[in-house]
C-alpha cells in the first residue's frame, strides 16, 4: 500500500507491500481450498487492479495521480484479503480483525499525511467489514472488536503525527543546508554556484538584447582591510550587499568571492541597465561605513544570443578590469 508523494520516498516499501499483496492473491487460492479460485472473475479483477496500481505508481510523478492510485491499491489489497477470509466463515473472525489492524498500522507509515491516512482507513474498514455475514459479528465480542479497531487507528494516528513531524524536520534541515550551500554567509547574497545556475536559467529564458550582466569590484579593498581591519572590510562588503538587495530582487545579485560581486539586469535596454548601475554607484559613493567611504568599479555587458554563461562572465570580467584601468569608481559598458 503506497504513499502519495511525487518523489516516492517510500518507493521500496511500496514495491514490497504490493509484491506481498500480489503473492497473497496468487498463493492464497492454492493453500485455501475453500477460497476463490485463481481463475474466478472477482479474484482475477482484484489481481489486475493491484497490478495496474503498481504499474501506475512506478511511472507517475503527479501527486494527485499518486494519491489516486495509492488509494486504489489499498482497495484492491483489502478486498483481496476479504475475498480469502470470507471463504472460511466464522473461523476467520479474529483473523479478519488482526488483518485490519495490521493494515491500518502499516498505512500510517505509507500515508504520512493525516487526510490521506483517514481516507485509507475508511477504505480499509469499508472493504473489510461492510456486508460481512452476520455470523462474523456473532463470533466476535463487540467490545473487543471496537477496542481493537479504535486502538489500531489511534496507534496509526500517533505514528502519523510522528512521521509527519520527522518529515517536516527533515525538510527544514534539507532546506537549511541547501540555502547554506547556495548563500554567502557574510552578505546573505547568492554565492558563485547559485549565481551560475541562475545565470544559465536566465540566459535560456531571456529576450535578445535585454539581459545584461555587471561585474562589480570594491576599489582599494585591500587597503581598507590593512588600515582599518577585517571587521571594517566585512562591514563594507555587507553595506554594498545591502544596497544590491534593496534595489534588486533576491537571486539577482551574488558575491562571487572576496570583494567581487555580480549582478543580473533583465528585461531592460542597455541604457536602462547602465543608468541603474550609475545610480547604485552614486549611492555607494555617498556612504560611510566603519569610518570610511568606499566605491566600486564595474563592467557591464549585454548577453549575446546563445551565449554560454562562462563567456558572458569572462566578458564582464574583462570590462571590469577596463574600468579599473580607467581610474576606478566608474562603469565600463560594452555593447553586445
C-alpha atoms as a PDB file:
ATOM      1  CA  UNK A   1       0.000   0.000   0.000  1.00  0.00           C
ATOM      2  CA  UNK A   2       1.798   3.076  -1.228  1.00  0.00           C
ATOM      3  CA  UNK A   3       2.230   6.631  -0.207  1.00  0.00           C
ATOM      4  CA  UNK A   4       1.052   9.566  -2.259  1.00  0.00           C
ATOM      5  CA  UNK A   5       4.112  11.715  -2.788  1.00  0.00           C
ATOM      6  CA  UNK A   6       5.611  12.814  -6.068  1.00  0.00           C
ATOM      7  CA  UNK A   7       9.109  11.853  -5.002  1.00  0.00           C
ATOM      8  CA  UNK A   8       8.164   8.306  -3.916  1.00  0.00           C
ATOM      9  CA  UNK A   9      10.246   8.498  -0.673  1.00  0.00           C
ATOM     10  CA  UNK A  10       8.812   5.100   0.338  1.00  0.00           C
ATOM     11  CA  UNK A  11       9.373   3.505  -3.067  1.00  0.00           C
ATOM     12  CA  UNK A  12      10.920   0.337  -1.608  1.00  0.00           C
ATOM     13  CA  UNK A  13       8.063  -0.077   0.876  1.00  0.00           C
ATOM     14  CA  UNK A  14       5.572   0.420  -1.946  1.00  0.00           C
ATOM     15  CA  UNK A  15       7.196  -2.325  -4.002  1.00  0.00           C
ATOM     16  CA  UNK A  16       7.418  -4.724  -1.043  1.00  0.00           C
ATOM     17  CA  UNK A  17       3.798  -4.196   0.047  1.00  0.00           C
ATOM     18  CA  UNK A  18       2.366  -4.558  -3.439  1.00  0.00           C
ATOM     19  CA  UNK A  19       4.556  -7.625  -4.078  1.00  0.00           C
ATOM     20  CA  UNK A  20       3.229  -9.226  -0.881  1.00  0.00           C
ATOM     21  CA  UNK A  21      -0.348  -8.407  -1.917  1.00  0.00           C
ATOM     22  CA  UNK A  22       0.173  -9.926  -5.357  1.00  0.00           C
ATOM     23  CA  UNK A  23       1.787 -13.026  -3.862  1.00  0.00           C
ATOM     24  CA  UNK A  24      -1.116 -13.385  -1.436  1.00  0.00           C
ATOM     25  CA  UNK A  25      -3.669 -13.113  -4.214  1.00  0.00           C
ATOM     26  CA  UNK A  26      -1.854 -15.741  -6.276  1.00  0.00           C
ATOM     27  CA  UNK A  27      -0.869 -18.165  -3.496  1.00  0.00           C
ATOM     28  CA  UNK A  28      -3.964 -17.933  -1.266  1.00  0.00           C
ATOM     29  CA  UNK A  29      -6.256 -19.965  -3.569  1.00  0.00           C
ATOM     30  CA  UNK A  30      -3.637 -22.714  -3.683  1.00  0.00           C
ATOM     31  CA  UNK A  31      -3.443 -23.095   0.102  1.00  0.00           C
ATOM     32  CA  UNK A  32      -7.079 -22.255   0.801  1.00  0.00           C
ATOM     33  CA  UNK A  33      -9.225 -24.879  -0.904  1.00  0.00           C
ATOM     34  CA  UNK A  34     -12.371 -23.076   0.241  1.00  0.00           C
ATOM     35  CA  UNK A  35     -11.231 -19.767  -1.279  1.00  0.00           C
ATOM     36  CA  UNK A  36     -11.876 -18.239  -4.630  1.00  0.00           C
ATOM     37  CA  UNK A  37     -10.101 -19.902  -7.484  1.00  0.00           C
ATOM     38  CA  UNK A  38      -7.376 -18.038  -9.286  1.00  0.00           C
ATOM     39  CA  UNK A  39      -9.499 -18.215 -12.389  1.00  0.00           C
ATOM     40  CA  UNK A  40     -12.519 -16.647 -10.675  1.00  0.00           C
ATOM     41  CA  UNK A  41     -13.552 -13.339 -12.257  1.00  0.00           C
ATOM     42  CA  UNK A  42     -13.618 -11.374  -8.962  1.00  0.00           C
ATOM     43  CA  UNK A  43     -10.240 -12.708  -7.883  1.00  0.00           C
ATOM     44  CA  UNK A  44      -8.762 -12.014 -11.318  1.00  0.00           C
ATOM     45  CA  UNK A  45     -10.200  -8.475 -11.318  1.00  0.00           C
ATOM     46  CA  UNK A  46      -8.647  -7.696  -7.924  1.00  0.00           C
ATOM     47  CA  UNK A  47      -5.295  -9.065  -9.034  1.00  0.00           C
ATOM     48  CA  UNK A  48      -5.495  -6.909 -12.163  1.00  0.00           C
ATOM     49  CA  UNK A  49      -6.360  -3.831 -10.052  1.00  0.00           C
ATOM     50  CA  UNK A  50      -3.371  -4.345  -7.751  1.00  0.00           C
ATOM     51  CA  UNK A  51      -1.004  -4.944 -10.673  1.00  0.00           C
ATOM     52  CA  UNK A  52      -2.341  -1.894 -12.538  1.00  0.00           C
ATOM     53  CA  UNK A  53      -1.896   0.240  -9.416  1.00  0.00           C
ATOM     54  CA  UNK A  54       1.667  -0.988  -9.003  1.00  0.00           C
ATOM     55  CA  UNK A  55       2.497  -0.293 -12.645  1.00  0.00           C
ATOM     56  CA  UNK A  56       0.951   3.198 -12.466  1.00  0.00           C
ATOM     57  CA  UNK A  57       2.664   4.113  -9.178  1.00  0.00           C
ATOM     58  CA  UNK A  58       6.082   3.254 -10.576  1.00  0.00           C
ATOM     59  CA  UNK A  59       5.606   5.599 -13.537  1.00  0.00           C
ATOM     60  CA  UNK A  60       3.541   8.585 -12.464  1.00  0.00           C
ATOM     61  CA  UNK A  61       5.065  11.645 -10.802  1.00  0.00           C
ATOM     62  CA  UNK A  62       1.875  13.672 -10.366  1.00  0.00           C
ATOM     63  CA  UNK A  63       0.964  13.975  -6.640  1.00  0.00           C
ATOM     64  CA  UNK A  64      -2.753  13.729  -7.413  1.00  0.00           C
ATOM     65  CA  UNK A  65      -2.307  10.649  -9.607  1.00  0.00           C
ATOM     66  CA  UNK A  66      -0.096   9.024  -6.967  1.00  0.00           C
ATOM     67  CA  UNK A  67      -2.766   9.564  -4.324  1.00  0.00           C
ATOM     68  CA  UNK A  68      -5.472   8.173  -6.611  1.00  0.00           C
ATOM     69  CA  UNK A  69      -3.552   5.018  -7.480  1.00  0.00           C
ATOM     70  CA  UNK A  70      -2.406   4.608  -3.867  1.00  0.00           C
ATOM     71  CA  UNK A  71      -5.972   4.528  -2.605  1.00  0.00           C
ATOM     72  CA  UNK A  72      -6.997   2.146  -5.401  1.00  0.00           C
ATOM     73  CA  UNK A  73      -4.190  -0.212  -4.407  1.00  0.00           C
ATOM     74  CA  UNK A  74      -5.424  -0.096  -0.797  1.00  0.00           C
ATOM     75  CA  UNK A  75      -8.900  -1.023  -2.022  1.00  0.00           C
ATOM     76  CA  UNK A  76      -7.542  -3.884  -4.128  1.00  0.00           C
ATOM     77  CA  UNK A  77      -5.412  -5.292  -1.294  1.00  0.00           C
ATOM     78  CA  UNK A  78      -8.198  -5.006   1.297  1.00  0.00           C
ATOM     79  CA  UNK A  79     -10.774  -6.638  -0.981  1.00  0.00           C
ATOM     80  CA  UNK A  80      -8.329  -9.373  -1.950  1.00  0.00           C
ATOM     81  CA  UNK A  81      -7.801 -10.234   1.714  1.00  0.00           C
ATOM     82  CA  UNK A  82     -11.543 -10.041   2.330  1.00  0.00           C
ATOM     83  CA  UNK A  83     -12.184 -12.462  -0.541  1.00  0.00           C
ATOM     84  CA  UNK A  84      -9.992 -15.123   1.039  1.00  0.00           C
ATOM     85  CA  UNK A  85     -11.202 -14.631   4.620  1.00  0.00           C
ATOM     86  CA  UNK A  86     -14.876 -14.750   3.622  1.00  0.00           C
ATOM     87  CA  UNK A  87     -14.399 -18.312   2.427  1.00  0.00           C
ATOM     88  CA  UNK A  88     -13.504 -19.521   5.941  1.00  0.00           C
ATOM     89  CA  UNK A  89     -16.750 -18.339   7.538  1.00  0.00           C
ATOM     90  CA  UNK A  90     -16.911 -17.616  11.297  1.00  0.00           C
ATOM     91  CA  UNK A  91     -13.465 -19.123  11.938  1.00  0.00           C
ATOM     92  CA  UNK A  92     -11.947 -16.116  10.179  1.00  0.00           C
ATOM     93  CA  UNK A  93     -13.398 -13.621  12.654  1.00  0.00           C
ATOM     94  CA  UNK A  94     -10.283 -12.875  14.684  1.00  0.00           C
ATOM     95  CA  UNK A  95      -8.007 -13.221  11.663  1.00  0.00           C
ATOM     96  CA  UNK A  96     -10.090 -10.549   9.962  1.00  0.00           C
ATOM     97  CA  UNK A  97      -9.622  -8.200  12.910  1.00  0.00           C
ATOM     98  CA  UNK A  98      -5.883  -8.946  13.033  1.00  0.00           C
ATOM     99  CA  UNK A  99      -5.530  -8.300   9.297  1.00  0.00           C
ATOM    100  CA  UNK A 100      -7.393  -4.999   9.597  1.00  0.00           C
ATOM    101  CA  UNK A 101      -5.167  -3.895  12.499  1.00  0.00           C
ATOM    102  CA  UNK A 102      -2.021  -4.750  10.577  1.00  0.00           C
ATOM    103  CA  UNK A 103      -3.271  -2.872   7.511  1.00  0.00           C
ATOM    104  CA  UNK A 104      -4.301   0.212   9.498  1.00  0.00           C
ATOM    105  CA  UNK A 105      -0.917   0.490  11.193  1.00  0.00           C
ATOM    106  CA  UNK A 106       1.051  -0.175   8.001  1.00  0.00           C
ATOM    107  CA  UNK A 107      -0.832   2.551   6.191  1.00  0.00           C
ATOM    108  CA  UNK A 108       0.222   5.093   8.821  1.00  0.00           C
ATOM    109  CA  UNK A 109       3.767   4.674   7.526  1.00  0.00           C
ATOM    110  CA  UNK A 110       2.878   4.761   3.870  1.00  0.00           C
ATOM    111  CA  UNK A 111       0.347   7.631   4.076  1.00  0.00           C
ATOM    112  CA  UNK A 112       2.110  10.233   6.253  1.00  0.00           C
ATOM    113  CA  UNK A 113      -0.495  12.962   5.654  1.00  0.00           C
ATOM    114  CA  UNK A 114      -3.404  12.742   8.106  1.00  0.00           C
ATOM    115  CA  UNK A 115      -6.074  13.388   5.446  1.00  0.00           C
ATOM    116  CA  UNK A 116      -4.710  10.694   3.123  1.00  0.00           C
ATOM    117  CA  UNK A 117      -4.433   8.270   6.037  1.00  0.00           C
ATOM    118  CA  UNK A 118      -8.049   8.928   7.049  1.00  0.00           C
ATOM    119  CA  UNK A 119      -9.238   8.104   3.531  1.00  0.00           C
ATOM    120  CA  UNK A 120      -7.174   4.893   3.519  1.00  0.00           C
ATOM    121  CA  UNK A 121      -8.631   3.928   6.922  1.00  0.00           C
ATOM    122  CA  UNK A 122     -12.172   4.436   5.627  1.00  0.00           C
ATOM    123  CA  UNK A 123     -11.439   2.343   2.527  1.00  0.00           C
ATOM    124  CA  UNK A 124      -9.906  -0.464   4.586  1.00  0.00           C
ATOM    125  CA  UNK A 125     -12.731  -0.640   7.122  1.00  0.00           C
ATOM    126  CA  UNK A 126     -15.397  -0.461   4.425  1.00  0.00           C
ATOM    127  CA  UNK A 127     -13.731  -3.121   2.263  1.00  0.00           C
ATOM    128  CA  UNK A 128     -13.082  -5.393   5.250  1.00  0.00           C
ATOM    129  CA  UNK A 129     -16.375  -5.270   7.136  1.00  0.00           C
ATOM    130  CA  UNK A 130     -19.295  -3.845   5.127  1.00  0.00           C
ATOM    131  CA  UNK A 131     -21.593  -6.662   4.052  1.00  0.00           C
ATOM    132  CA  UNK A 132     -19.870  -9.291   6.199  1.00  0.00           C
ATOM    133  CA  UNK A 133     -22.115 -12.233   7.130  1.00  0.00           C
ATOM    134  CA  UNK A 134     -23.902 -11.852  10.461  1.00  0.00           C
ATOM    135  CA  UNK A 135     -22.164 -14.945  11.781  1.00  0.00           C
ATOM    136  CA  UNK A 136     -18.969 -12.881  11.898  1.00  0.00           C
ATOM    137  CA  UNK A 137     -20.423 -10.448  14.423  1.00  0.00           C
ATOM    138  CA  UNK A 138     -21.792 -13.323  16.470  1.00  0.00           C
ATOM    139  CA  UNK A 139     -18.323 -14.857  16.683  1.00  0.00           C
ATOM    140  CA  UNK A 140     -16.552 -11.658  17.782  1.00  0.00           C
ATOM    141  CA  UNK A 141     -17.072  -9.846  21.064  1.00  0.00           C
ATOM    142  CA  UNK A 142     -18.286  -6.379  20.008  1.00  0.00           C
ATOM    143  CA  UNK A 143     -16.309  -4.671  22.780  1.00  0.00           C
ATOM    144  CA  UNK A 144     -13.161  -6.488  21.674  1.00  0.00           C
ATOM    145  CA  UNK A 145     -13.810  -5.502  18.065  1.00  0.00           C
ATOM    146  CA  UNK A 146     -14.474  -1.834  18.872  1.00  0.00           C
ATOM    147  CA  UNK A 147     -11.434  -1.518  21.154  1.00  0.00           C
ATOM    148  CA  UNK A 148      -9.197  -3.294  18.655  1.00  0.00           C
ATOM    149  CA  UNK A 149     -10.191  -1.064  15.751  1.00  0.00           C
ATOM    150  CA  UNK A 150     -10.014   2.080  17.908  1.00  0.00           C
ATOM    151  CA  UNK A 151      -6.608   1.096  19.251  1.00  0.00           C
ATOM    152  CA  UNK A 152      -5.250   0.413  15.758  1.00  0.00           C
ATOM    153  CA  UNK A 153      -6.482   3.749  14.438  1.00  0.00           C
ATOM    154  CA  UNK A 154      -5.078   5.577  17.491  1.00  0.00           C
ATOM    155  CA  UNK A 155      -1.690   3.917  17.068  1.00  0.00           C
ATOM    156  CA  UNK A 156      -1.771   4.709  13.358  1.00  0.00           C
ATOM    157  CA  UNK A 157      -2.700   8.333  14.045  1.00  0.00           C
ATOM    158  CA  UNK A 158       0.127   8.720  16.561  1.00  0.00           C
ATOM    159  CA  UNK A 159       2.555   7.216  14.063  1.00  0.00           C
ATOM    160  CA  UNK A 160       1.148   9.658  11.512  1.00  0.00           C
ATOM    161  CA  UNK A 161       1.990  12.611  13.758  1.00  0.00           C
ATOM    162  CA  UNK A 162       5.493  11.334  14.477  1.00  0.00           C
ATOM    163  CA  UNK A 163       6.208  10.604  10.812  1.00  0.00           C
ATOM    164  CA  UNK A 164       4.910  13.988   9.652  1.00  0.00           C
ATOM    165  CA  UNK A 165       6.976  15.768  12.307  1.00  0.00           C
ATOM    166  CA  UNK A 166      10.022  13.804  11.218  1.00  0.00           C
ATOM    167  CA  UNK A 167       9.330  14.680   7.563  1.00  0.00           C
ATOM    168  CA  UNK A 168       8.928  18.351   8.429  1.00  0.00           C
ATOM    169  CA  UNK A 169      12.169  18.447  10.429  1.00  0.00           C
ATOM    170  CA  UNK A 170      13.991  16.600   7.647  1.00  0.00           C
ATOM    171  CA  UNK A 171      12.596  19.010   5.049  1.00  0.00           C
ATOM    172  CA  UNK A 172      13.575  22.030   7.131  1.00  0.00           C
ATOM    173  CA  UNK A 173      17.083  20.655   7.641  1.00  0.00           C
ATOM    174  CA  UNK A 174      17.416  19.909   3.934  1.00  0.00           C
ATOM    175  CA  UNK A 175      16.262  23.424   3.038  1.00  0.00           C
ATOM    176  CA  UNK A 176      18.650  24.920   5.573  1.00  0.00           C
ATOM    177  CA  UNK A 177      21.643  23.050   4.160  1.00  0.00           C
ATOM    178  CA  UNK A 178      20.518  23.838   0.613  1.00  0.00           C
ATOM    179  CA  UNK A 179      20.423  27.546   1.460  1.00  0.00           C
ATOM    180  CA  UNK A 180      23.807  27.345   3.163  1.00  0.00           C
ATOM    181  CA  UNK A 181      25.263  25.654   0.094  1.00  0.00           C
ATOM    182  CA  UNK A 182      23.948  28.451  -2.143  1.00  0.00           C
ATOM    183  CA  UNK A 183      24.359  31.527   0.085  1.00  0.00           C
ATOM    184  CA  UNK A 184      27.322  33.674   1.043  1.00  0.00           C
ATOM    185  CA  UNK A 185      27.297  33.569   4.872  1.00  0.00           C
ATOM    186  CA  UNK A 186      28.597  37.125   5.361  1.00  0.00           C
ATOM    187  CA  UNK A 187      26.369  39.110   2.992  1.00  0.00           C
ATOM    188  CA  UNK A 188      23.345  36.845   2.556  1.00  0.00           C
ATOM    189  CA  UNK A 189      23.679  37.088  -1.226  1.00  0.00           C
ATOM    190  CA  UNK A 190      23.829  34.088  -3.530  1.00  0.00           C
ATOM    191  CA  UNK A 191      27.271  32.534  -3.886  1.00  0.00           C
ATOM    192  CA  UNK A 192      29.064  31.779  -7.150  1.00  0.00           C
ATOM    193  CA  UNK A 193      27.480  28.351  -7.550  1.00  0.00           C
ATOM    194  CA  UNK A 194      23.935  29.666  -7.130  1.00  0.00           C
ATOM    195  CA  UNK A 195      24.624  32.634  -9.397  1.00  0.00           C
ATOM    196  CA  UNK A 196      25.934  30.448 -12.212  1.00  0.00           C
ATOM    197  CA  UNK A 197      22.814  28.282 -12.024  1.00  0.00           C
ATOM    198  CA  UNK A 198      20.608  31.381 -12.122  1.00  0.00           C
ATOM    199  CA  UNK A 199      22.653  32.828 -14.976  1.00  0.00           C
ATOM    200  CA  UNK A 200      22.223  29.661 -17.048  1.00  0.00           C
ATOM    201  CA  UNK A 201      18.443  29.667 -16.498  1.00  0.00           C
ATOM    202  CA  UNK A 202      18.099  33.382 -17.197  1.00  0.00           C
ATOM    203  CA  UNK A 203      20.085  33.267 -20.443  1.00  0.00           C
ATOM    204  CA  UNK A 204      17.883  30.442 -21.718  1.00  0.00           C
ATOM    205  CA  UNK A 205      14.702  32.442 -20.997  1.00  0.00           C
ATOM    206  CA  UNK A 206      15.877  35.954 -21.871  1.00  0.00           C
ATOM    207  CA  UNK A 207      14.879  38.189 -24.783  1.00  0.00           C
ATOM    208  CA  UNK A 208      17.828  39.036 -27.096  1.00  0.00           C
ATOM    209  CA  UNK A 209      19.413  42.351 -26.183  1.00  0.00           C
ATOM    210  CA  UNK A 210      17.552  42.704 -22.865  1.00  0.00           C
ATOM    211  CA  UNK A 211      19.744  40.719 -20.491  1.00  0.00           C
ATOM    212  CA  UNK A 212      22.818  42.366 -19.012  1.00  0.00           C
ATOM    213  CA  UNK A 213      25.426  41.311 -16.509  1.00  0.00           C
ATOM    214  CA  UNK A 214      27.568  43.545 -14.341  1.00  0.00           C
ATOM    215  CA  UNK A 215      30.715  42.520 -12.502  1.00  0.00           C
ATOM    216  CA  UNK A 216      31.497  44.781  -9.507  1.00  0.00           C
ATOM    217  CA  UNK A 217      34.738  45.012  -7.551  1.00  0.00           C
ATOM    218  CA  UNK A 218      35.316  47.207  -4.484  1.00  0.00           C
ATOM    219  CA  UNK A 219      38.062  49.750  -5.032  1.00  0.00           C
ATOM    220  CA  UNK A 220      41.107  49.679  -2.725  1.00  0.00           C
ATOM    221  CA  UNK A 221      39.536  46.956  -0.610  1.00  0.00           C
ATOM    222  CA  UNK A 222      42.901  45.576   0.488  1.00  0.00           C
ATOM    223  CA  UNK A 223      43.869  48.999   1.820  1.00  0.00           C
ATOM    224  CA  UNK A 224      40.650  49.140   3.874  1.00  0.00           C
ATOM    225  CA  UNK A 225      41.431  45.738   5.361  1.00  0.00           C
ATOM    226  CA  UNK A 226      45.069  46.608   6.068  1.00  0.00           C
ATOM    227  CA  UNK A 227      44.456  50.032   7.636  1.00  0.00           C
ATOM    228  CA  UNK A 228      41.080  49.610   9.385  1.00  0.00           C
ATOM    229  CA  UNK A 229      40.988  45.866   9.959  1.00  0.00           C
ATOM    230  CA  UNK A 230      38.961  42.978   8.642  1.00  0.00           C
ATOM    231  CA  UNK A 231      35.856  43.961  10.610  1.00  0.00           C
ATOM    232  CA  UNK A 232      35.747  47.236   8.679  1.00  0.00           C
ATOM    233  CA  UNK A 233      36.270  45.305   5.436  1.00  0.00           C
ATOM    234  CA  UNK A 234      33.390  42.988   6.298  1.00  0.00           C
ATOM    235  CA  UNK A 235      31.180  45.988   7.105  1.00  0.00           C
ATOM    236  CA  UNK A 236      31.898  47.457   3.675  1.00  0.00           C
ATOM    237  CA  UNK A 237      31.024  44.163   1.978  1.00  0.00           C
ATOM    238  CA  UNK A 238      27.756  43.929   3.922  1.00  0.00           C
ATOM    239  CA  UNK A 239      26.917  47.559   3.085  1.00  0.00           C
ATOM    240  CA  UNK A 240      27.334  47.010  -0.656  1.00  0.00           C
ATOM    241  CA  UNK A 241      25.294  43.785  -0.431  1.00  0.00           C
ATOM    242  CA  UNK A 242      22.554  45.703   1.378  1.00  0.00           C
ATOM    243  CA  UNK A 243      22.413  48.269  -1.428  1.00  0.00           C
ATOM    244  CA  UNK A 244      22.084  45.482  -4.003  1.00  0.00           C
ATOM    245  CA  UNK A 245      19.334  43.735  -2.049  1.00  0.00           C
ATOM    246  CA  UNK A 246      17.338  46.939  -1.622  1.00  0.00           C
ATOM    247  CA  UNK A 247      17.450  47.742  -5.319  1.00  0.00           C
ATOM    248  CA  UNK A 248      17.038  44.300  -6.919  1.00  0.00           C
ATOM    249  CA  UNK A 249      15.127  41.091  -6.124  1.00  0.00           C
ATOM    250  CA  UNK A 250      16.771  38.254  -4.213  1.00  0.00           C
ATOM    251  CA  UNK A 251      18.763  35.984  -6.503  1.00  0.00           C
ATOM    252  CA  UNK A 252      19.665  38.812  -8.869  1.00  0.00           C
ATOM    253  CA  UNK A 253      22.949  39.708  -7.162  1.00  0.00           C
ATOM    254  CA  UNK A 254      25.708  37.473  -5.843  1.00  0.00           C
ATOM    255  CA  UNK A 255      29.048  37.632  -4.116  1.00  0.00           C
ATOM    256  CA  UNK A 256      31.444  35.677  -6.290  1.00  0.00           C
ATOM    257  CA  UNK A 257      34.288  35.774  -3.793  1.00  0.00           C
ATOM    258  CA  UNK A 258      36.470  38.286  -1.950  1.00  0.00           C
ATOM    259  CA  UNK A 259      35.368  41.808  -2.898  1.00  0.00           C
ATOM    260  CA  UNK A 260      33.860  40.738  -6.226  1.00  0.00           C
ATOM    261  CA  UNK A 261      30.109  40.851  -6.885  1.00  0.00           C
ATOM    262  CA  UNK A 262      27.877  40.059  -9.866  1.00  0.00           C
ATOM    263  CA  UNK A 263      24.506  41.440 -10.880  1.00  0.00           C
ATOM    264  CA  UNK A 264      21.929  40.383 -13.476  1.00  0.00           C
ATOM    265  CA  UNK A 265      19.719  43.041 -15.048  1.00  0.00           C
ATOM    266  CA  UNK A 266      16.931  41.501 -17.117  1.00  0.00           C
ATOM    267  CA  UNK A 267      14.195  42.983 -19.320  1.00  0.00           C
ATOM    268  CA  UNK A 268      16.000  46.302 -19.716  1.00  0.00           C
ATOM    269  CA  UNK A 269      17.642  48.181 -22.550  1.00  0.00           C
ATOM    270  CA  UNK A 270      21.418  48.674 -22.329  1.00  0.00           C
ATOM    271  CA  UNK A 271      20.796  52.326 -21.443  1.00  0.00           C
ATOM    272  CA  UNK A 272      18.419  51.447 -18.600  1.00  0.00           C
ATOM    273  CA  UNK A 273      20.874  48.898 -17.197  1.00  0.00           C
ATOM    274  CA  UNK A 274      23.742  51.418 -17.308  1.00  0.00           C
ATOM    275  CA  UNK A 275      21.583  54.075 -15.623  1.00  0.00           C
ATOM    276  CA  UNK A 276      20.564  51.693 -12.813  1.00  0.00           C
ATOM    277  CA  UNK A 277      24.207  50.825 -12.203  1.00  0.00           C
ATOM    278  CA  UNK A 278      25.219  54.511 -12.190  1.00  0.00           C
ATOM    279  CA  UNK A 279      22.563  55.214  -9.561  1.00  0.00           C
ATOM    280  CA  UNK A 280      23.946  52.381  -7.421  1.00  0.00           C
ATOM    281  CA  UNK A 281      27.465  53.809  -7.763  1.00  0.00           C
ATOM    282  CA  UNK A 282      26.293  57.270  -6.703  1.00  0.00           C
ATOM    283  CA  UNK A 283      24.521  55.823  -3.653  1.00  0.00           C
ATOM    284  CA  UNK A 284      27.601  53.867  -2.591  1.00  0.00           C
ATOM    285  CA  UNK A 285      29.952  56.786  -3.073  1.00  0.00           C
ATOM    286  CA  UNK A 286      27.826  58.846  -0.704  1.00  0.00           C
ATOM    287  CA  UNK A 287      28.010  56.262   2.097  1.00  0.00           C
ATOM    288  CA  UNK A 288      30.397  55.999   5.048  1.00  0.00           C
ATOM    289  CA  UNK A 289      30.851  52.655   6.767  1.00  0.00           C
ATOM    290  CA  UNK A 290      33.165  51.865   9.693  1.00  0.00           C
ATOM    291  CA  UNK A 291      34.650  55.333   9.458  1.00  0.00           C
ATOM    292  CA  UNK A 292      35.496  55.169   5.778  1.00  0.00           C
ATOM    293  CA  UNK A 293      33.947  55.876   2.416  1.00  0.00           C
ATOM    294  CA  UNK A 294      34.175  53.362  -0.379  1.00  0.00           C
ATOM    295  CA  UNK A 295      33.441  52.881  -4.045  1.00  0.00           C
ATOM    296  CA  UNK A 296      33.428  50.201  -6.698  1.00  0.00           C
ATOM    297  CA  UNK A 297      34.310  49.693 -10.332  1.00  0.00           C
ATOM    298  CA  UNK A 298      32.063  47.711 -12.655  1.00  0.00           C
ATOM    299  CA  UNK A 299      31.974  46.131 -16.074  1.00  0.00           C
ATOM    300  CA  UNK A 300      28.572  45.928 -17.778  1.00  0.00           C
ATOM    301  CA  UNK A 301      27.947  43.695 -20.798  1.00  0.00           C
ATOM    302  CA  UNK A 302      24.891  42.614 -22.780  1.00  0.00           C
ATOM    303  CA  UNK A 303      24.295  38.893 -23.320  1.00  0.00           C
ATOM    304  CA  UNK A 304      24.531  37.644 -26.887  1.00  0.00           C
ATOM    305  CA  UNK A 305      22.071  35.214 -28.425  1.00  0.00           C
ATOM    306  CA  UNK A 306      23.015  31.661 -27.432  1.00  0.00           C
ATOM    307  CA  UNK A 307      25.999  32.840 -25.395  1.00  0.00           C
ATOM    308  CA  UNK A 308      27.433  30.452 -22.829  1.00  0.00           C
ATOM    309  CA  UNK A 309      27.365  31.638 -19.189  1.00  0.00           C
ATOM    310  CA  UNK A 310      31.152  31.294 -18.919  1.00  0.00           C
ATOM    311  CA  UNK A 311      31.611  33.542 -21.958  1.00  0.00           C
ATOM    312  CA  UNK A 312      29.333  36.231 -20.516  1.00  0.00           C
ATOM    313  CA  UNK A 313      31.183  36.051 -17.211  1.00  0.00           C
ATOM    314  CA  UNK A 314      34.549  36.409 -18.958  1.00  0.00           C
ATOM    315  CA  UNK A 315      33.409  39.426 -20.971  1.00  0.00           C
ATOM    316  CA  UNK A 316      32.030  41.112 -17.833  1.00  0.00           C
ATOM    317  CA  UNK A 317      35.309  40.447 -16.038  1.00  0.00           C
ATOM    318  CA  UNK A 318      37.254  41.980 -18.936  1.00  0.00           C
ATOM    319  CA  UNK A 319      35.023  45.073 -18.849  1.00  0.00           C
ATOM    320  CA  UNK A 320      35.537  45.334 -15.082  1.00  0.00           C
ATOM    321  CA  UNK A 321      39.312  45.461 -15.397  1.00  0.00           C
ATOM    322  CA  UNK A 322      38.984  48.032 -18.159  1.00  0.00           C
ATOM    323  CA  UNK A 323      37.028  50.179 -15.681  1.00  0.00           C
ATOM    324  CA  UNK A 324      39.768  49.772 -13.089  1.00  0.00           C
ATOM    325  CA  UNK A 325      42.463  50.705 -15.570  1.00  0.00           C
ATOM    326  CA  UNK A 326      40.405  53.767 -16.468  1.00  0.00           C
ATOM    327  CA  UNK A 327      40.650  55.202 -12.972  1.00  0.00           C
ATOM    328  CA  UNK A 328      38.318  53.175 -10.697  1.00  0.00           C
ATOM    329  CA  UNK A 329      34.995  54.363  -9.337  1.00  0.00           C
ATOM    330  CA  UNK A 330      33.486  54.050 -12.781  1.00  0.00           C
ATOM    331  CA  UNK A 331      31.468  51.729 -15.027  1.00  0.00           C
ATOM    332  CA  UNK A 332      32.753  50.301 -18.295  1.00  0.00           C
ATOM    333  CA  UNK A 333      29.895  49.429 -20.647  1.00  0.00           C
ATOM    334  CA  UNK A 334      30.466  47.038 -23.537  1.00  0.00           C
ATOM    335  CA  UNK A 335      27.861  46.586 -26.252  1.00  0.00           C
ATOM    336  CA  UNK A 336      26.739  43.018 -27.018  1.00  0.00           C
END
